[in-house]
Amino acid sequence: MDDRRNDGGPAFPIPPIVIGEQMFDDRAADGMSLRDWIAGTTAAGLVAAHPFMHSNNEFRTGRIKSVAGLAYQIADAMLEARK
């Protein structure tokens, strides 16, 4: 069974440079996945929108993993909606 997650592919790929007939692929890179990019930007928004994330207490500490998990759930939903 294939349980690989749809990561949306690379978010900011850098294609190889072709000049004439010569390819320079030493700069080519896939970068982060689209899923990671969406989750990261979502997490930033969630943290900015919730004042409890700015206080230094046990409640904040316990919520960090919840925010990260929610950000990836949102990213997965967005990738699913693209199909």
N, C-alpha and C. Protein backbone atom coordinates (compact mmCIF):
# COMPACT_ATOMS: atom_id res chain seq x y z
N MET A 1 0.84 -1.17 0.00
CA MET A 1 0.00 0.00 0.00
C MET A 1 0.89 1.25 0.00
N ASP A 2 0.55 2.22 -0.81
CA ASP A 2 1.31 3.45 -0.90
C ASP A 2 0.70 4.48 0.03
N ASP A 3 1.43 4.82 1.10
CA ASP A 3 0.88 5.77 2.06
C ASP A 3 1.60 7.12 2.00
N ARG A 4 2.22 7.42 0.85
CA ARG A 4 2.87 8.72 0.71
C ARG A 4 1.81 9.82 0.68
N ARG A 5 2.08 10.87 1.40
CA ARG A 5 1.17 12.01 1.50
C ARG A 5 1.37 12.92 0.29
N ASN A 6 0.27 13.50 -0.20
CA ASN A 6 0.36 14.48 -1.26
C ASN A 6 0.96 15.75 -0.68
N ASP A 7 2.19 16.08 -1.10
CA ASP A 7 2.81 17.29 -0.57
C ASP A 7 2.68 18.47 -1.52
N GLY A 8 1.98 18.28 -2.64
CA GLY A 8 1.75 19.38 -3.57
C GLY A 8 2.92 19.65 -4.50
N GLY A 9 4.01 18.91 -4.33
CA GLY A 9 5.18 19.16 -5.15
C GLY A 9 5.98 20.34 -4.60
N PRO A 10 7.03 20.72 -5.31
CA PRO A 10 7.86 21.82 -4.83
C PRO A 10 7.13 23.15 -4.87
N ALA A 11 7.34 23.96 -3.85
CA ALA A 11 6.69 25.27 -3.77
C ALA A 11 7.41 26.30 -4.64
N PHE A 12 8.72 26.29 -4.62
CA PHE A 12 9.51 27.28 -5.35
C PHE A 12 10.67 26.60 -6.07
N PRO A 13 10.38 25.75 -7.05
CA PRO A 13 11.47 25.04 -7.71
C PRO A 13 12.35 25.99 -8.53
N ILE A 14 13.61 25.65 -8.63
CA ILE A 14 14.54 26.39 -9.47
C ILE A 14 14.94 25.44 -10.60
N PRO A 15 14.47 25.72 -11.82
CA PRO A 15 14.79 24.82 -12.93
C PRO A 15 16.26 24.95 -13.34
N PRO A 16 16.78 23.93 -14.03
CA PRO A 16 18.15 24.06 -14.52
C PRO A 16 18.23 25.17 -15.57
N ILE A 17 19.38 25.77 -15.67
CA ILE A 17 19.61 26.82 -16.65
C ILE A 17 20.16 26.19 -17.92
N VAL A 18 19.54 26.51 -19.04
CA VAL A 18 19.99 25.99 -20.33
C VAL A 18 20.45 27.17 -21.18
N ILE A 19 21.71 27.11 -21.61
CA ILE A 19 22.26 28.13 -22.49
C ILE A 19 22.74 27.41 -23.74
N GLY A 20 22.07 27.70 -24.83
CA GLY A 20 22.38 26.98 -26.07
C GLY A 20 22.02 25.52 -25.90
N GLU A 21 23.02 24.67 -26.03
CA GLU A 21 22.78 23.23 -25.85
C GLU A 21 23.36 22.72 -24.53
N GLN A 22 23.87 23.61 -23.71
CA GLN A 22 24.49 23.21 -22.45
C GLN A 22 23.55 23.48 -21.28
N MET A 23 23.40 22.46 -20.43
CA MET A 23 22.53 22.58 -19.25
C MET A 23 23.40 22.74 -18.01
N PHE A 24 23.08 23.75 -17.22
CA PHE A 24 23.75 23.98 -15.95
C PHE A 24 22.74 23.66 -14.85
N ASP A 25 22.80 22.44 -14.30
CA ASP A 25 21.80 22.04 -13.31
C ASP A 25 22.31 22.14 -11.88
N ASP A 26 23.48 22.73 -11.68
CA ASP A 26 24.01 22.83 -10.31
C ASP A 26 23.19 23.80 -9.45
N ARG A 27 22.39 24.66 -10.09
CA ARG A 27 21.53 25.56 -9.33
C ARG A 27 20.11 25.02 -9.20
N ALA A 28 19.79 23.93 -9.88
CA ALA A 28 18.44 23.37 -9.83
C ALA A 28 18.16 22.85 -8.43
N ALA A 29 16.96 23.10 -7.95
CA ALA A 29 16.57 22.64 -6.61
C ALA A 29 15.05 22.59 -6.53
N ASP A 30 14.54 21.66 -5.75
CA ASP A 30 13.10 21.57 -5.56
C ASP A 30 12.61 22.53 -4.49
N GLY A 31 13.43 22.83 -3.51
CA GLY A 31 12.97 23.69 -2.42
C GLY A 31 12.00 22.95 -1.52
N MET A 32 11.28 23.70 -0.70
CA MET A 32 10.32 23.07 0.22
C MET A 32 9.07 22.64 -0.54
N SER A 33 8.32 21.75 0.07
CA SER A 33 7.09 21.30 -0.57
C SER A 33 6.00 22.37 -0.42
N LEU A 34 5.04 22.33 -1.31
CA LEU A 34 3.92 23.26 -1.23
C LEU A 34 3.17 23.05 0.08
N ARG A 35 3.07 21.80 0.54
CA ARG A 35 2.39 21.49 1.80
C ARG A 35 3.08 22.19 2.97
N ASP A 36 4.41 22.11 3.01
CA ASP A 36 5.15 22.78 4.09
C ASP A 36 4.99 24.30 4.01
N TRP A 37 5.01 24.85 2.81
CA TRP A 37 4.86 26.30 2.66
C TRP A 37 3.49 26.76 3.15
N ILE A 38 2.43 26.03 2.73
CA ILE A 38 1.08 26.39 3.17
C ILE A 38 0.97 26.28 4.69
N ALA A 39 1.49 25.19 5.26
CA ALA A 39 1.42 25.01 6.71
C ALA A 39 2.18 26.11 7.44
N GLY A 40 3.33 26.49 6.93
CA GLY A 40 4.11 27.54 7.57
C GLY A 40 3.42 28.89 7.56
N THR A 41 2.85 29.25 6.43
CA THR A 41 2.16 30.53 6.37
C THR A 41 0.87 30.50 7.19
N THR A 42 0.21 29.35 7.23
CA THR A 42 -0.99 29.20 8.04
C THR A 42 -0.65 29.32 9.52
N ALA A 43 0.42 28.65 9.94
CA ALA A 43 0.83 28.71 11.35
C ALA A 43 1.17 30.15 11.74
N ALA A 44 1.83 30.88 10.87
CA ALA A 44 2.16 32.28 11.17
C ALA A 44 0.89 33.10 11.38
N GLY A 45 -0.11 32.87 10.55
CA GLY A 45 -1.37 33.59 10.70
C GLY A 45 -2.10 33.21 11.98
N LEU A 46 -2.09 31.94 12.30
CA LEU A 46 -2.76 31.49 13.53
C LEU A 46 -2.10 32.08 14.77
N VAL A 47 -0.78 32.11 14.78
CA VAL A 47 -0.05 32.66 15.92
C VAL A 47 -0.31 34.16 16.04
N ALA A 48 -0.28 34.86 14.91
CA ALA A 48 -0.50 36.31 14.94
C ALA A 48 -1.92 36.66 15.39
N ALA A 49 -2.88 35.80 15.07
CA ALA A 49 -4.28 36.09 15.37
C ALA A 49 -4.68 35.74 16.79
N HIS A 50 -3.85 34.97 17.50
CA HIS A 50 -4.24 34.51 18.82
C HIS A 50 -3.29 35.07 19.88
N PRO A 51 -3.75 36.02 20.68
CA PRO A 51 -2.89 36.63 21.70
C PRO A 51 -2.32 35.63 22.70
N PHE A 52 -3.02 34.52 22.93
CA PHE A 52 -2.51 33.57 23.93
C PHE A 52 -1.17 32.98 23.51
N MET A 53 -0.84 33.06 22.23
CA MET A 53 0.44 32.52 21.77
C MET A 53 1.60 33.43 22.16
N HIS A 54 1.31 34.66 22.52
CA HIS A 54 2.37 35.62 22.83
C HIS A 54 2.76 35.62 24.30
N SER A 55 1.95 35.01 25.14
CA SER A 55 2.29 34.96 26.56
C SER A 55 3.18 33.75 26.82
N ASN A 56 3.99 33.85 27.84
CA ASN A 56 4.89 32.75 28.17
C ASN A 56 4.34 32.01 29.37
N ASN A 57 3.46 31.06 29.10
CA ASN A 57 2.89 30.27 30.18
C ASN A 57 2.64 28.84 29.71
N GLU A 58 2.19 28.01 30.61
CA GLU A 58 1.96 26.60 30.27
C GLU A 58 0.88 26.44 29.21
N PHE A 59 -0.12 27.30 29.21
CA PHE A 59 -1.18 27.20 28.22
C PHE A 59 -0.60 27.37 26.82
N ARG A 60 0.27 28.36 26.64
CA ARG A 60 0.89 28.59 25.34
C ARG A 60 1.74 27.40 24.94
N THR A 61 2.52 26.90 25.86
CA THR A 61 3.40 25.78 25.58
C THR A 61 2.61 24.56 25.10
N GLY A 62 1.48 24.31 25.72
CA GLY A 62 0.66 23.17 25.31
C GLY A 62 -0.06 23.37 24.00
N ARG A 63 -0.22 24.62 23.57
CA ARG A 63 -0.96 24.90 22.35
C ARG A 63 -0.09 24.91 21.09
N ILE A 64 1.22 25.00 21.25
CA ILE A 64 2.10 25.09 20.08
C ILE A 64 1.94 23.89 19.16
N LYS A 65 1.92 22.68 19.72
CA LYS A 65 1.75 21.49 18.89
C LYS A 65 0.38 21.47 18.25
N SER A 66 -0.62 21.97 18.95
CA SER A 66 -1.97 22.03 18.38
C SER A 66 -2.02 22.95 17.17
N VAL A 67 -1.36 24.08 17.26
CA VAL A 67 -1.32 25.03 16.15
C VAL A 67 -0.60 24.41 14.96
N ALA A 68 0.51 23.74 15.21
CA ALA A 68 1.26 23.10 14.12
C ALA A 68 0.41 22.02 13.45
N GLY A 69 -0.26 21.22 14.25
CA GLY A 69 -1.11 20.17 13.69
C GLY A 69 -2.27 20.75 12.88
N LEU A 70 -2.88 21.81 13.40
CA LEU A 70 -3.97 22.47 12.69
C LEU A 70 -3.47 23.06 11.38
N ALA A 71 -2.28 23.65 11.39
CA ALA A 71 -1.72 24.23 10.16
C ALA A 71 -1.56 23.17 9.08
N TYR A 72 -1.10 21.98 9.45
CA TYR A 72 -0.95 20.90 8.46
C TYR A 72 -2.30 20.33 8.04
N GLN A 73 -3.28 20.32 8.92
CA GLN A 73 -4.62 19.89 8.53
C GLN A 73 -5.19 20.85 7.49
N ILE A 74 -4.98 22.13 7.70
CA ILE A 74 -5.45 23.13 6.74
C ILE A 74 -4.70 22.97 5.42
N ALA A 75 -3.39 22.76 5.48
CA ALA A 75 -2.60 22.56 4.26
C ALA A 75 -3.10 21.35 3.49
N ASP A 76 -3.36 20.25 4.19
CA ASP A 76 -3.88 19.04 3.52
C ASP A 76 -5.23 19.30 2.88
N ALA A 77 -6.09 20.05 3.55
CA ALA A 77 -7.41 20.38 3.00
C ALA A 77 -7.27 21.25 1.75
N MET A 78 -6.34 22.18 1.78
CA MET A 78 -6.13 23.05 0.62
C MET A 78 -5.60 22.24 -0.57
N LEU A 79 -4.67 21.33 -0.31
CA LEU A 79 -4.15 20.49 -1.39
C LEU A 79 -5.24 19.59 -1.95
N GLU A 80 -6.10 19.10 -1.08
CA GLU A 80 -7.21 18.25 -1.53
C GLU A 80 -8.18 19.07 -2.40
N ALA A 81 -8.41 20.30 -2.02
CA ALA A 81 -9.33 21.16 -2.79
C ALA A 81 -8.78 21.48 -4.18
N ARG A 82 -7.48 21.39 -4.36
CA ARG A 82 -6.87 21.67 -5.67
C ARG A 82 -7.15 20.57 -6.69
N LYS A 83 -7.52 19.39 -6.23
CA LYS A 83 -7.72 18.25 -7.15
C LYS A 83 -8.86 18.49 -8.10
